[in-house]
Amino acid sequence: MAPISQFSASNRFLCPQSAKDLLESVDVFLFDCDGVIWKGDKLIEGVPDALQSLRSWRKKLAFVTNNCLKSRKQYVKKFQELGLQVGEDEIFCSSFAAAMFLKMNDFPRDKKVYVVGEDGMLEEMALAGYECLGGTQDGFKQVDFKSNTKFEHDENVGAVVVGLDTYINYYKMQYATLCIRENRGCLFIATNRDSVGNLTDLQEWPVTGAMVGAICGATQKEPIVVGKPSTFLMDFMRDRFKVPTSRMCMVGDRLDSDILFGLNAGCKTLLVLSVDGARQSTPPNTSLESLVSSSMTPSARIPHDQHANA
């Protein structure tokens, strides 16, 4: 990590004055979830108080996650289980992004979607009106390598959507590969390309980037990415909040997805240095100071009395 002395004037750690300035300049705070709100099923210390304070100051909140294991409705339940009250319309997950991308681009209703992913993706696709194949059920299927045996796939699949899939197997990889290579005009969509994520509280795990990489290698094609750092979801947030992106702040722990998403969209950005993601996710030839506009140490707090003078 770059020493503090190498930060430009606009890249600074939060102090009481800069926190006050940030609050005055932002109407909507956009939060990543894994590594920022929670790690696995464990809530990160201080999060409930921080969110409650922002709501009491009439700041709008949104939760923008690349984790597609759950649908928006399933995320509402997870927030509730952790003691947080969050509305479905405040959640923008990459499973929702994938379904909305197809809908916004008039994907034919008579075409099917093959999902390398789990129930969250299937639920969002169903809500958008699409028939899906794959998902969790294909995670238990095996391939047959016997002579004179051909692996069959549905030629009516018009899109393959690849997300985080803890049931990933050779059957799914072959099915997705055949659809992309052999079905005329078949779309290849990735929810994101994150390499690792906080699926549990003690360590990081391979996530969507590992699944996407396998399909890229087999097809020699690059996907359309709909999650962070792509700004596709920002259109929905602008419509939801009616606020310009210059009055939004993206809070995340990864430079290559969260912070880059904020910068691409014209938002202010806040890098949380409570995990190793900031150090591990720096893209090649990209310096820390070129991505970070503000940084918060794990112990940093926005004092309640700062708002009184805002």
Protein backbone atom coordinates (compact mmCIF):
# COMPACT_ATOMS: atom_id res chain seq x y z
CA MET A 1 0.00 0.00 0.00
CA ALA A 2 1.27 3.46 -0.87
CA PRO A 3 2.45 5.51 2.12
CA ILE A 4 0.27 8.44 3.14
CA SER A 5 2.88 10.90 1.88
CA GLN A 6 2.31 9.69 -1.68
CA PHE A 7 -1.41 10.48 -1.68
CA SER A 8 -2.52 13.50 -3.68
CA ALA A 9 -4.47 16.29 -2.03
CA SER A 10 -7.80 14.71 -2.99
CA ASN A 11 -6.82 11.31 -1.55
CA ARG A 12 -7.02 11.48 2.20
CA PHE A 13 -7.87 9.58 5.34
CA LEU A 14 -11.06 10.56 7.12
CA CYS A 15 -10.74 12.93 10.02
CA PRO A 16 -13.59 14.81 11.76
CA GLN A 17 -13.43 17.70 9.25
CA SER A 18 -13.18 15.56 6.12
CA ALA A 19 -15.97 13.32 7.41
CA LYS A 20 -18.15 16.40 7.90
CA ASP A 21 -17.30 17.61 4.38
CA LEU A 22 -18.16 14.19 2.96
CA LEU A 23 -21.54 14.10 4.70
CA GLU A 24 -22.40 17.55 3.38
CA SER A 25 -21.50 16.59 -0.19
CA VAL A 26 -23.25 13.19 -0.40
CA ASP A 27 -26.95 12.31 -0.51
CA VAL A 28 -26.64 8.59 -1.31
CA PHE A 29 -24.12 6.11 0.10
CA LEU A 30 -23.59 2.94 -1.96
CA PHE A 31 -22.19 0.03 0.02
CA ASP A 32 -20.50 -3.14 -1.11
CA CYS A 33 -21.53 -6.04 1.14
CA ASP A 34 -18.91 -8.81 1.32
CA GLY A 35 -16.00 -7.43 3.32
CA VAL A 36 -17.76 -4.14 4.09
CA ILE A 37 -21.10 -5.03 5.74
CA TRP A 38 -20.31 -8.64 6.57
CA LYS A 39 -17.81 -11.47 6.13
CA GLY A 40 -19.67 -14.66 5.37
CA ASP A 41 -22.53 -14.70 7.88
CA LYS A 42 -20.74 -12.52 10.42
CA LEU A 43 -21.62 -8.82 10.64
CA ILE A 44 -18.62 -6.49 10.73
CA GLU A 45 -18.31 -4.54 13.97
CA GLY A 46 -19.68 -0.99 13.88
CA VAL A 47 -21.85 -1.45 10.79
CA PRO A 48 -25.29 -1.20 12.48
CA ASP A 49 -24.38 2.07 14.21
CA ALA A 50 -22.90 3.53 11.02
CA LEU A 51 -25.98 2.70 8.94
CA GLN A 52 -28.34 3.96 11.64
CA SER A 53 -26.43 7.23 11.86
CA LEU A 54 -26.55 7.77 8.10
CA ARG A 55 -30.29 7.10 8.04
CA SER A 56 -30.83 9.49 10.95
CA TRP A 57 -29.04 12.14 8.89
CA ARG A 58 -31.52 11.42 6.10
CA LYS A 59 -28.93 9.89 3.82
CA LYS A 60 -30.20 7.34 1.31
CA LEU A 61 -28.52 3.95 1.26
CA ALA A 62 -28.01 1.31 -1.42
CA PHE A 63 -26.24 -2.03 -1.24
CA VAL A 64 -24.40 -2.96 -4.43
CA THR A 65 -22.95 -6.46 -4.37
CA ASN A 66 -21.28 -8.62 -7.00
CA ASN A 67 -22.27 -11.73 -5.06
CA CYS A 68 -25.02 -13.40 -7.11
CA LEU A 69 -25.69 -16.38 -4.85
CA LYS A 70 -28.83 -14.64 -3.62
CA SER A 71 -31.69 -12.71 -5.17
CA ARG A 72 -32.79 -9.33 -3.83
CA LYS A 73 -35.52 -11.00 -1.78
CA GLN A 74 -33.03 -13.48 -0.33
CA TYR A 75 -30.68 -10.61 0.55
CA VAL A 76 -33.49 -8.88 2.46
CA LYS A 77 -33.76 -12.03 4.57
CA LYS A 78 -29.99 -12.12 5.19
CA PHE A 79 -29.99 -8.48 6.30
CA GLN A 80 -32.87 -9.25 8.68
CA GLU A 81 -31.05 -12.27 10.12
CA LEU A 82 -28.11 -9.97 10.88
CA GLY A 83 -30.39 -7.44 12.57
CA LEU A 84 -30.46 -4.89 9.73
CA GLN A 85 -33.64 -3.53 8.15
CA VAL A 86 -33.01 -3.06 4.44
CA GLY A 87 -35.64 -2.82 1.72
CA GLU A 88 -35.61 -4.84 -1.48
CA ASP A 89 -35.51 -1.60 -3.47
CA GLU A 90 -32.23 -0.69 -1.74
CA ILE A 91 -30.46 -3.85 -2.96
CA PHE A 92 -28.67 -4.00 -6.32
CA CYS A 93 -27.07 -7.42 -6.70
CA SER A 94 -25.38 -8.84 -9.78
CA SER A 95 -28.03 -11.56 -10.19
CA PHE A 96 -30.55 -8.73 -10.64
CA ALA A 97 -28.13 -6.97 -13.02
CA ALA A 98 -27.87 -10.04 -15.26
CA ALA A 99 -31.65 -10.40 -15.52
CA MET A 100 -32.11 -6.68 -16.18
CA PHE A 101 -29.41 -6.68 -18.85
CA LEU A 102 -31.35 -9.29 -20.82
CA LYS A 103 -34.61 -7.43 -20.30
CA MET A 104 -33.20 -4.02 -21.27
CA ASN A 105 -31.70 -5.52 -24.44
CA ASP A 106 -34.96 -7.23 -25.50
CA PHE A 107 -33.65 -10.76 -25.14
CA PRO A 108 -36.21 -12.96 -26.96
CA ARG A 109 -38.72 -14.61 -24.64
CA ASP A 110 -38.69 -17.77 -26.76
CA LYS A 111 -34.96 -18.23 -26.06
CA LYS A 112 -33.60 -19.98 -22.98
CA VAL A 113 -30.86 -18.94 -20.55
CA TYR A 114 -28.23 -21.37 -19.32
CA VAL A 115 -27.11 -20.43 -15.81
CA VAL A 116 -23.75 -21.28 -14.31
CA GLY A 117 -24.85 -20.13 -10.89
CA GLU A 118 -27.28 -20.87 -8.12
CA ASP A 119 -30.80 -20.14 -6.84
CA GLY A 120 -30.39 -16.38 -6.57
CA MET A 121 -29.71 -16.11 -10.28
CA LEU A 122 -32.55 -18.47 -11.18
CA GLU A 123 -35.00 -16.48 -9.05
CA GLU A 124 -34.09 -13.13 -10.62
CA MET A 125 -34.28 -14.62 -14.13
CA ALA A 126 -37.71 -16.09 -13.38
CA LEU A 127 -38.94 -12.73 -12.07
CA ALA A 128 -37.80 -11.17 -15.34
CA GLY A 129 -39.77 -13.81 -17.26
CA TYR A 130 -37.00 -16.01 -18.62
CA GLU A 131 -36.84 -19.80 -18.82
CA CYS A 132 -33.60 -21.10 -17.39
CA LEU A 133 -31.57 -24.28 -17.59
CA GLY A 134 -28.64 -25.22 -15.39
CA GLY A 135 -28.33 -23.81 -11.92
CA THR A 136 -27.96 -25.92 -8.81
CA GLN A 137 -29.59 -29.03 -10.31
CA ASP A 138 -26.83 -29.40 -12.91
CA GLY A 139 -24.28 -29.39 -10.13
CA PHE A 140 -25.06 -33.06 -9.47
CA LYS A 141 -24.79 -34.22 -13.08
CA GLN A 142 -21.80 -36.08 -14.47
CA VAL A 143 -20.35 -36.39 -17.96
CA ASP A 144 -19.91 -39.61 -19.88
CA PHE A 145 -16.60 -40.05 -21.71
CA LYS A 146 -17.49 -43.33 -23.40
CA SER A 147 -16.71 -43.76 -27.10
CA ASN A 148 -19.41 -42.73 -29.57
CA THR A 149 -21.15 -40.66 -26.89
CA LYS A 150 -22.07 -37.08 -27.70
CA PHE A 151 -22.76 -34.45 -25.04
CA GLU A 152 -26.15 -32.97 -25.96
CA HIS A 153 -27.15 -29.37 -25.31
CA ASP A 154 -30.25 -27.27 -26.02
CA GLU A 155 -29.77 -25.36 -29.27
CA ASN A 156 -32.44 -22.86 -28.18
CA VAL A 157 -30.22 -21.41 -25.45
CA GLY A 158 -29.62 -17.80 -26.44
CA ALA A 159 -27.58 -16.66 -23.46
CA VAL A 160 -25.15 -18.17 -20.98
CA VAL A 161 -24.90 -16.29 -17.69
CA VAL A 162 -21.94 -17.13 -15.46
CA GLY A 163 -21.85 -16.17 -11.80
CA LEU A 164 -20.56 -17.48 -8.50
CA ASP A 165 -21.36 -21.19 -8.38
CA THR A 166 -20.32 -23.42 -5.48
CA TYR A 167 -21.71 -26.36 -7.49
CA ILE A 168 -19.48 -25.73 -10.50
CA ASN A 169 -18.49 -28.94 -12.29
CA TYR A 170 -17.31 -30.30 -15.63
CA TYR A 171 -20.89 -30.86 -16.84
CA LYS A 172 -21.73 -27.15 -16.44
CA MET A 173 -18.52 -26.02 -18.08
CA GLN A 174 -19.11 -28.25 -21.11
CA TYR A 175 -22.76 -27.22 -21.43
CA ALA A 176 -21.92 -23.52 -21.25
CA THR A 177 -19.04 -23.95 -23.69
CA LEU A 178 -21.15 -25.74 -26.29
CA CYS A 179 -23.92 -23.14 -26.09
CA ILE A 180 -21.51 -20.24 -26.59
CA ARG A 181 -19.50 -21.93 -29.35
CA GLU A 182 -22.28 -23.64 -31.29
CA ASN A 183 -25.54 -21.72 -30.72
CA ARG A 184 -25.73 -18.91 -33.24
CA GLY A 185 -25.65 -15.48 -31.55
CA CYS A 186 -25.52 -16.90 -28.03
CA LEU A 187 -24.61 -14.21 -25.49
CA PHE A 188 -21.88 -14.79 -22.91
CA ILE A 189 -22.64 -12.74 -19.79
CA ALA A 190 -20.66 -12.60 -16.55
CA THR A 191 -22.07 -11.14 -13.35
CA ASN A 192 -18.53 -9.96 -12.51
CA ARG A 193 -14.89 -11.05 -12.66
CA ASP A 194 -13.91 -10.81 -8.98
CA SER A 195 -11.14 -13.30 -8.25
CA VAL A 196 -11.70 -13.95 -4.54
CA GLY A 197 -14.29 -12.98 -1.96
CA ASN A 198 -15.19 -13.22 1.73
CA LEU A 199 -17.56 -16.20 1.65
CA THR A 200 -16.63 -16.91 5.26
CA ASP A 201 -15.35 -14.66 8.03
CA LEU A 202 -11.88 -16.25 8.34
CA GLN A 203 -10.59 -16.42 4.77
CA GLU A 204 -11.17 -15.55 1.13
CA TRP A 205 -12.43 -18.02 -1.47
CA PRO A 206 -12.33 -18.24 -5.28
CA VAL A 207 -15.44 -16.56 -6.66
CA THR A 208 -17.00 -15.66 -10.00
CA GLY A 209 -13.75 -14.79 -11.77
CA ALA A 210 -12.63 -18.40 -11.44
CA MET A 211 -15.82 -19.69 -13.12
CA VAL A 212 -15.73 -17.02 -15.83
CA GLY A 213 -12.06 -17.73 -16.50
CA ALA A 214 -12.78 -21.39 -17.18
CA ILE A 215 -15.46 -20.56 -19.76
CA CYS A 216 -13.26 -17.87 -21.35
CA GLY A 217 -10.46 -20.37 -21.69
CA ALA A 218 -12.69 -22.98 -23.33
CA THR A 219 -14.52 -20.63 -25.71
CA GLN A 220 -11.72 -18.13 -26.39
CA LYS A 221 -14.36 -15.41 -25.95
CA GLU A 222 -14.73 -12.53 -23.52
CA PRO A 223 -18.00 -11.96 -21.64
CA ILE A 224 -20.25 -8.96 -21.22
CA VAL A 225 -19.76 -7.96 -17.56
CA VAL A 226 -22.85 -6.49 -15.84
CA GLY A 227 -21.63 -6.18 -12.24
CA LYS A 228 -19.01 -3.85 -10.79
CA PRO A 229 -16.89 -2.19 -12.16
CA SER A 230 -19.36 -1.98 -15.07
CA THR A 231 -21.72 0.94 -14.49
CA PHE A 232 -24.79 -0.89 -15.88
CA LEU A 233 -26.53 -0.90 -12.48
CA MET A 234 -26.00 2.85 -12.03
CA ASP A 235 -28.90 3.63 -14.37
CA PHE A 236 -31.26 1.84 -11.99
CA MET A 237 -29.85 3.69 -8.98
CA ARG A 238 -30.22 7.08 -10.68
CA ASP A 239 -33.85 6.24 -11.43
CA ARG A 240 -34.40 5.01 -7.86
CA PHE A 241 -32.86 7.96 -6.02
CA LYS A 242 -33.20 10.84 -8.52
CA VAL A 243 -29.75 12.05 -7.46
CA PRO A 244 -26.75 12.85 -9.71
CA THR A 245 -23.79 10.54 -9.30
CA SER A 246 -21.67 13.46 -8.09
CA ARG A 247 -23.83 13.38 -4.92
CA MET A 248 -23.24 9.63 -4.40
CA CYS A 249 -20.38 7.89 -2.60
CA MET A 250 -19.33 4.29 -3.26
CA VAL A 251 -17.99 2.55 -0.14
CA GLY A 252 -16.01 -0.62 -0.78
CA ASP A 253 -12.98 -2.72 0.03
CA ARG A 254 -11.79 -3.55 -3.49
CA LEU A 255 -10.00 -1.19 -5.84
CA ASP A 256 -10.64 -3.16 -9.02
CA SER A 257 -14.42 -3.43 -8.58
CA ASP A 258 -15.92 -1.15 -5.90
CA ILE A 259 -13.71 1.92 -6.22
CA LEU A 260 -13.35 1.62 -9.99
CA PHE A 261 -17.16 1.31 -10.26
CA GLY A 262 -17.54 4.56 -8.33
CA LEU A 263 -14.96 6.37 -10.41
CA ASN A 264 -16.42 5.08 -13.68
CA ALA A 265 -19.84 6.35 -12.63
CA GLY A 266 -18.61 9.76 -11.46
CA CYS A 267 -19.20 9.09 -7.74
CA LYS A 268 -17.11 9.95 -4.74
CA THR A 269 -15.37 6.88 -3.35
CA LEU A 270 -14.47 5.63 0.10
CA LEU A 271 -12.02 2.75 0.49
CA VAL A 272 -12.45 0.69 3.66
CA LEU A 273 -9.09 -0.71 4.76
CA SER A 274 -10.51 -3.30 7.14
CA VAL A 275 -9.53 -6.26 4.91
CA ASP A 276 -6.75 -7.21 2.51
CA GLY A 277 -8.83 -6.66 -0.63
CA ALA A 278 -7.49 -3.15 -1.19
CA ARG A 279 -3.94 -4.43 -1.36
CA GLN A 280 -4.62 -7.61 -3.30
CA SER A 281 -6.97 -6.19 -5.92
CA THR A 282 -4.86 -3.34 -7.29
CA PRO A 283 -4.98 -3.75 -11.10
CA PRO A 284 -1.70 -3.91 -13.04
CA ASN A 285 -0.25 -0.46 -13.85
CA THR A 286 -2.82 1.19 -11.56
CA SER A 287 -1.55 3.09 -8.56
CA LEU A 288 -3.45 3.35 -5.31
CA GLU A 289 -3.60 7.13 -5.51
CA SER A 290 -5.17 7.01 -8.98
CA LEU A 291 -8.11 5.01 -7.64
CA VAL A 292 -8.73 6.13 -4.09
CA SER A 293 -10.34 9.47 -3.34
CA SER A 294 -10.87 8.82 0.37
CA SER A 295 -9.83 6.11 2.81
CA MET A 296 -11.12 4.99 6.18
CA THR A 297 -9.18 2.97 8.72
CA PRO A 298 -11.14 0.25 10.58
CA SER A 299 -11.28 2.43 13.71
CA ALA A 300 -12.48 5.58 11.96
CA ARG A 301 -15.90 6.82 13.01
CA ILE A 302 -18.03 9.77 11.90
CA PRO A 303 -18.83 11.56 15.17
CA HIS A 304 -22.55 12.11 15.82
CA ASP A 305 -21.99 15.72 16.78
CA GLN A 306 -20.46 16.50 13.39
CA HIS A 307 -23.91 16.47 11.80
CA ALA A 308 -25.22 19.18 14.06
CA ASN A 309 -22.90 21.67 12.40
CA ALA A 310 -23.41 20.39 8.83
